[in-house]
Amino acid sequence: MAITLTERAAKQIKHLLAEHKMPPETHLRVGIKGGGCSGFSYVINVATVPDGEDEVFTIHDVRIVCDPKSYLYLNGTEIDYDDSLMSKGFLFNNPNAKGTCACGASFNT
């Protein structure tokens, strides 16, 4: 398994990286941190160089890195992007989450 992106999410990530004039070697760093309504919150940042122990994936020409601890909780997760009138942002379809908060920004296991 791995962390995957929908084409819609990849398109948005590429757009954001280009808009902010990020260097070509930029990676999307995906992780978790303690907190949020349900216990863990999703975190998205950028990284130019992966850390030595990071899991590294390339999906739809987007490079993704994830630290080993976060990967335990995110393995199998699909990241999508919603730009509808009711919500706008990245959505995490995480099969490891036993519960999520109403907005989907945090989860528990």
N, C-alpha and C. Protein backbone atom coordinates (compact mmCIF):
# COMPACT_ATOMS: atom_id res chain seq x y z
N MET A 1 0.84 -1.18 0.00
CA MET A 1 0.00 0.00 0.00
C MET A 1 0.88 1.24 0.00
N ALA A 2 0.25 2.36 -0.10
CA ALA A 2 0.96 3.64 -0.14
C ALA A 2 -0.03 4.76 0.14
N ILE A 3 0.45 5.97 0.09
CA ILE A 3 -0.41 7.15 0.12
C ILE A 3 -0.62 7.52 -1.35
N THR A 4 -1.88 7.77 -1.73
CA THR A 4 -2.17 8.09 -3.12
C THR A 4 -2.88 9.44 -3.24
N LEU A 5 -2.89 9.95 -4.45
CA LEU A 5 -3.55 11.22 -4.77
C LEU A 5 -4.54 10.98 -5.90
N THR A 6 -5.67 11.63 -5.85
CA THR A 6 -6.54 11.65 -7.02
C THR A 6 -5.92 12.61 -8.03
N GLU A 7 -6.36 12.50 -9.27
CA GLU A 7 -5.87 13.43 -10.29
C GLU A 7 -6.24 14.87 -9.94
N ARG A 8 -7.42 15.05 -9.36
CA ARG A 8 -7.88 16.39 -8.97
C ARG A 8 -6.95 16.98 -7.90
N ALA A 9 -6.54 16.17 -6.92
CA ALA A 9 -5.62 16.65 -5.88
C ALA A 9 -4.25 16.96 -6.47
N ALA A 10 -3.77 16.09 -7.35
CA ALA A 10 -2.46 16.31 -7.97
C ALA A 10 -2.46 17.61 -8.78
N LYS A 11 -3.53 17.84 -9.50
CA LYS A 11 -3.64 19.08 -10.30
C LYS A 11 -3.58 20.31 -9.40
N GLN A 12 -4.28 20.27 -8.26
CA GLN A 12 -4.28 21.40 -7.33
C GLN A 12 -2.91 21.60 -6.70
N ILE A 13 -2.24 20.51 -6.35
CA ILE A 13 -0.90 20.61 -5.76
C ILE A 13 0.06 21.23 -6.77
N LYS A 14 0.03 20.76 -8.01
CA LYS A 14 0.90 21.32 -9.05
C LYS A 14 0.62 22.81 -9.24
N HIS A 15 -0.66 23.17 -9.22
CA HIS A 15 -1.04 24.58 -9.36
C HIS A 15 -0.46 25.41 -8.21
N LEU A 16 -0.61 24.92 -6.98
CA LEU A 16 -0.10 25.66 -5.81
C LEU A 16 1.42 25.78 -5.84
N LEU A 17 2.11 24.70 -6.21
CA LEU A 17 3.57 24.75 -6.27
C LEU A 17 4.03 25.75 -7.32
N ALA A 18 3.36 25.77 -8.47
CA ALA A 18 3.71 26.72 -9.53
C ALA A 18 3.40 28.15 -9.10
N GLU A 19 2.24 28.34 -8.48
CA GLU A 19 1.82 29.67 -8.04
C GLU A 19 2.81 30.27 -7.05
N HIS A 20 3.36 29.42 -6.19
CA HIS A 20 4.32 29.89 -5.18
C HIS A 20 5.77 29.76 -5.65
N LYS A 21 5.95 29.44 -6.95
CA LYS A 21 7.28 29.37 -7.57
C LYS A 21 8.23 28.46 -6.78
N MET A 22 7.72 27.28 -6.42
CA MET A 22 8.53 26.31 -5.69
C MET A 22 9.51 25.65 -6.65
N PRO A 23 10.71 25.30 -6.19
CA PRO A 23 11.70 24.67 -7.07
C PRO A 23 11.20 23.29 -7.55
N PRO A 24 11.70 22.82 -8.67
CA PRO A 24 11.23 21.56 -9.25
C PRO A 24 11.40 20.34 -8.34
N GLU A 25 12.36 20.37 -7.44
CA GLU A 25 12.60 19.22 -6.56
C GLU A 25 11.69 19.21 -5.33
N THR A 26 10.72 20.11 -5.26
CA THR A 26 9.82 20.21 -4.11
C THR A 26 8.97 18.96 -3.97
N HIS A 27 8.84 18.50 -2.75
CA HIS A 27 8.00 17.36 -2.40
C HIS A 27 6.84 17.86 -1.55
N LEU A 28 5.73 17.16 -1.60
CA LEU A 28 4.62 17.41 -0.69
C LEU A 28 4.85 16.55 0.54
N ARG A 29 4.98 17.18 1.71
CA ARG A 29 5.16 16.42 2.95
C ARG A 29 3.80 16.24 3.60
N VAL A 30 3.40 14.99 3.79
CA VAL A 30 2.13 14.64 4.39
C VAL A 30 2.42 13.98 5.73
N GLY A 31 1.68 14.36 6.77
CA GLY A 31 1.91 13.76 8.08
C GLY A 31 0.72 13.98 8.99
N ILE A 32 0.94 13.63 10.24
CA ILE A 32 -0.07 13.84 11.27
C ILE A 32 0.59 14.48 12.48
N LYS A 33 -0.24 15.10 13.31
CA LYS A 33 0.24 15.61 14.60
C LYS A 33 -0.89 15.39 15.60
N GLY A 34 -0.54 15.31 16.85
CA GLY A 34 -1.54 15.16 17.89
C GLY A 34 -2.36 16.43 18.00
N GLY A 35 -3.67 16.26 18.17
CA GLY A 35 -4.55 17.41 18.32
C GLY A 35 -5.78 17.29 17.47
N GLY A 36 -6.54 18.34 17.43
CA GLY A 36 -7.80 18.31 16.69
C GLY A 36 -8.91 17.73 17.54
N CYS A 37 -10.09 17.74 17.03
CA CYS A 37 -11.27 17.26 17.77
C CYS A 37 -11.20 15.78 18.08
N SER A 38 -10.55 15.00 17.20
CA SER A 38 -10.59 13.54 17.32
C SER A 38 -9.28 12.91 17.77
N GLY A 39 -8.23 13.66 17.95
CA GLY A 39 -6.98 13.08 18.45
C GLY A 39 -5.76 13.34 17.58
N PHE A 40 -5.91 13.19 16.26
CA PHE A 40 -4.82 13.45 15.32
C PHE A 40 -5.31 14.40 14.25
N SER A 41 -4.44 15.32 13.83
CA SER A 41 -4.75 16.23 12.73
C SER A 41 -3.83 15.93 11.56
N TYR A 42 -4.36 16.09 10.36
CA TYR A 42 -3.55 15.93 9.15
C TYR A 42 -2.71 17.19 8.94
N VAL A 43 -1.50 16.99 8.42
CA VAL A 43 -0.58 18.10 8.17
C VAL A 43 -0.06 17.97 6.73
N ILE A 44 -0.08 19.07 6.00
CA ILE A 44 0.50 19.12 4.66
C ILE A 44 1.46 20.30 4.62
N ASN A 45 2.70 20.03 4.21
CA ASN A 45 3.73 21.05 4.04
C ASN A 45 4.50 20.74 2.76
N VAL A 46 5.55 21.48 2.52
CA VAL A 46 6.44 21.18 1.41
C VAL A 46 7.83 20.90 1.97
N ALA A 47 8.57 20.11 1.23
CA ALA A 47 9.95 19.78 1.59
C ALA A 47 10.76 19.75 0.30
N THR A 48 11.97 20.28 0.34
CA THR A 48 12.81 20.21 -0.85
C THR A 48 13.65 18.94 -0.85
N VAL A 49 13.94 18.43 0.35
CA VAL A 49 14.74 17.21 0.47
C VAL A 49 14.06 16.29 1.48
N PRO A 50 13.77 15.03 1.10
CA PRO A 50 13.21 14.10 2.08
C PRO A 50 14.23 13.78 3.17
N ASP A 51 13.73 13.50 4.37
CA ASP A 51 14.60 13.02 5.45
C ASP A 51 14.99 11.58 5.14
N GLY A 52 16.06 11.11 5.73
CA GLY A 52 16.60 9.78 5.44
C GLY A 52 15.64 8.62 5.62
N GLU A 53 14.72 8.70 6.56
CA GLU A 53 13.81 7.59 6.83
C GLU A 53 12.42 7.78 6.22
N ASP A 54 12.20 8.87 5.50
CA ASP A 54 10.89 9.14 4.91
C ASP A 54 10.48 8.07 3.90
N GLU A 55 9.19 7.80 3.86
CA GLU A 55 8.60 7.05 2.76
C GLU A 55 8.43 8.05 1.61
N VAL A 56 8.79 7.66 0.40
CA VAL A 56 8.73 8.57 -0.75
C VAL A 56 7.91 7.91 -1.86
N PHE A 57 6.95 8.67 -2.41
CA PHE A 57 6.09 8.19 -3.48
C PHE A 57 6.02 9.25 -4.58
N THR A 58 5.78 8.82 -5.80
CA THR A 58 5.49 9.74 -6.88
C THR A 58 4.17 9.31 -7.50
N ILE A 59 3.18 10.18 -7.46
CA ILE A 59 1.86 9.90 -7.99
C ILE A 59 1.44 11.07 -8.86
N HIS A 60 1.05 10.79 -10.10
CA HIS A 60 0.65 11.84 -11.04
C HIS A 60 1.70 12.95 -11.12
N ASP A 61 2.97 12.56 -11.12
CA ASP A 61 4.10 13.49 -11.20
C ASP A 61 4.23 14.41 -9.99
N VAL A 62 3.62 14.05 -8.87
CA VAL A 62 3.78 14.79 -7.61
C VAL A 62 4.57 13.89 -6.66
N ARG A 63 5.65 14.43 -6.13
CA ARG A 63 6.47 13.68 -5.16
C ARG A 63 5.91 13.91 -3.76
N ILE A 64 5.67 12.80 -3.05
CA ILE A 64 5.10 12.85 -1.70
C ILE A 64 6.10 12.21 -0.75
N VAL A 65 6.30 12.83 0.41
CA VAL A 65 7.11 12.23 1.46
C VAL A 65 6.29 12.17 2.75
N CYS A 66 6.59 11.15 3.55
CA CYS A 66 5.87 10.96 4.81
C CYS A 66 6.83 10.35 5.82
N ASP A 67 6.88 10.91 7.02
CA ASP A 67 7.76 10.38 8.05
C ASP A 67 7.23 9.01 8.51
N PRO A 68 8.10 8.14 9.04
CA PRO A 68 7.69 6.78 9.40
C PRO A 68 6.54 6.70 10.42
N LYS A 69 6.52 7.57 11.41
CA LYS A 69 5.46 7.53 12.42
C LYS A 69 4.10 7.87 11.78
N SER A 70 4.07 8.92 10.99
CA SER A 70 2.82 9.30 10.32
C SER A 70 2.38 8.22 9.34
N TYR A 71 3.34 7.60 8.67
CA TYR A 71 3.01 6.58 7.68
C TYR A 71 2.26 5.40 8.30
N LEU A 72 2.54 5.09 9.56
CA LEU A 72 1.80 4.02 10.24
C LEU A 72 0.30 4.30 10.24
N TYR A 73 -0.08 5.57 10.33
CA TYR A 73 -1.49 5.97 10.37
C TYR A 73 -2.05 6.33 9.00
N LEU A 74 -1.16 6.66 8.04
CA LEU A 74 -1.62 7.15 6.74
C LEU A 74 -1.48 6.15 5.60
N ASN A 75 -0.85 5.02 5.84
CA ASN A 75 -0.69 4.01 4.81
C ASN A 75 -2.07 3.62 4.26
N GLY A 76 -2.25 3.71 2.95
CA GLY A 76 -3.52 3.40 2.32
C GLY A 76 -4.43 4.60 2.13
N THR A 77 -4.02 5.76 2.62
CA THR A 77 -4.85 6.96 2.52
C THR A 77 -4.82 7.53 1.10
N GLU A 78 -5.99 7.94 0.63
CA GLU A 78 -6.11 8.64 -0.64
C GLU A 78 -6.41 10.11 -0.33
N ILE A 79 -5.64 11.00 -0.93
CA ILE A 79 -5.86 12.43 -0.77
C ILE A 79 -6.59 12.95 -2.00
N ASP A 80 -7.70 13.62 -1.76
CA ASP A 80 -8.51 14.19 -2.84
C ASP A 80 -8.58 15.70 -2.62
N TYR A 81 -9.15 16.40 -3.58
CA TYR A 81 -9.35 17.84 -3.44
C TYR A 81 -10.78 18.17 -3.82
N ASP A 82 -11.44 18.93 -2.98
CA ASP A 82 -12.82 19.34 -3.23
C ASP A 82 -12.85 20.85 -3.39
N ASP A 83 -13.45 21.31 -4.46
CA ASP A 83 -13.56 22.76 -4.65
C ASP A 83 -15.02 23.15 -4.88
N SER A 84 -15.91 22.44 -4.22
CA SER A 84 -17.34 22.74 -4.37
C SER A 84 -17.70 23.99 -3.57
N LEU A 85 -18.93 24.43 -3.75
CA LEU A 85 -19.43 25.61 -3.06
C LEU A 85 -19.47 25.41 -1.55
N MET A 86 -19.76 24.19 -1.11
CA MET A 86 -19.92 23.90 0.32
C MET A 86 -18.59 23.67 1.04
N SER A 87 -17.59 23.18 0.32
CA SER A 87 -16.30 22.96 0.98
C SER A 87 -15.19 23.11 -0.04
N LYS A 88 -14.04 23.49 0.45
CA LYS A 88 -12.89 23.66 -0.43
C LYS A 88 -11.66 23.24 0.34
N GLY A 89 -10.91 22.31 -0.22
CA GLY A 89 -9.69 21.89 0.43
C GLY A 89 -9.38 20.42 0.17
N PHE A 90 -8.29 19.98 0.76
CA PHE A 90 -7.86 18.60 0.61
C PHE A 90 -8.64 17.71 1.56
N LEU A 91 -9.02 16.54 1.05
CA LEU A 91 -9.77 15.56 1.82
C LEU A 91 -8.93 14.30 1.96
N PHE A 92 -8.91 13.73 3.16
CA PHE A 92 -8.15 12.53 3.42
C PHE A 92 -9.12 11.36 3.57
N ASN A 93 -9.02 10.42 2.67
CA ASN A 93 -9.81 9.20 2.73
C ASN A 93 -8.93 8.14 3.38
N ASN A 94 -8.97 8.06 4.71
CA ASN A 94 -8.03 7.26 5.48
C ASN A 94 -8.71 5.98 5.99
N PRO A 95 -8.33 4.81 5.46
CA PRO A 95 -8.94 3.56 5.91
C PRO A 95 -8.56 3.17 7.33
N ASN A 96 -7.54 3.82 7.91
CA ASN A 96 -7.09 3.51 9.26
C ASN A 96 -7.86 4.28 10.32
N ALA A 97 -8.62 5.29 9.91
CA ALA A 97 -9.37 6.13 10.86
C ALA A 97 -10.62 5.39 11.31
N LYS A 98 -10.77 5.27 12.61
CA LYS A 98 -11.98 4.66 13.16
C LYS A 98 -13.07 5.71 13.36
N GLY A 99 -12.68 6.96 13.50
CA GLY A 99 -13.62 8.06 13.64
C GLY A 99 -12.99 9.34 13.17
N THR A 100 -13.82 10.27 12.71
CA THR A 100 -13.32 11.57 12.27
C THR A 100 -14.21 12.66 12.85
N CYS A 101 -13.70 13.86 12.87
CA CYS A 101 -14.52 14.99 13.29
C CYS A 101 -15.43 15.38 12.14
N ALA A 102 -16.37 16.24 12.38
CA ALA A 102 -17.36 16.62 11.37
C ALA A 102 -16.71 17.26 10.14
N CYS A 103 -15.65 18.03 10.33
CA CYS A 103 -15.03 18.70 9.18
C CYS A 103 -14.02 17.81 8.46
N GLY A 104 -13.65 16.67 9.04
CA GLY A 104 -12.72 15.75 8.40
C GLY A 104 -11.27 16.12 8.55
N ALA A 105 -10.95 17.13 9.37
CA ALA A 105 -9.57 17.57 9.53
C ALA A 105 -8.81 16.77 10.57
N SER A 106 -9.53 15.98 11.38
CA SER A 106 -8.84 15.17 12.38
C SER A 106 -9.52 13.80 12.46
N PHE A 107 -8.80 12.85 13.07
CA PHE A 107 -9.30 11.48 13.15
C PHE A 107 -8.77 10.80 14.41
N ASN A 108 -9.32 9.61 14.70
CA ASN A 108 -8.79 8.78 15.77
C ASN A 108 -8.67 7.36 15.25
N THR A 109 -7.91 6.55 15.98
CA THR A 109 -7.70 5.17 15.57
C THR A 109 -8.14 4.20 16.66
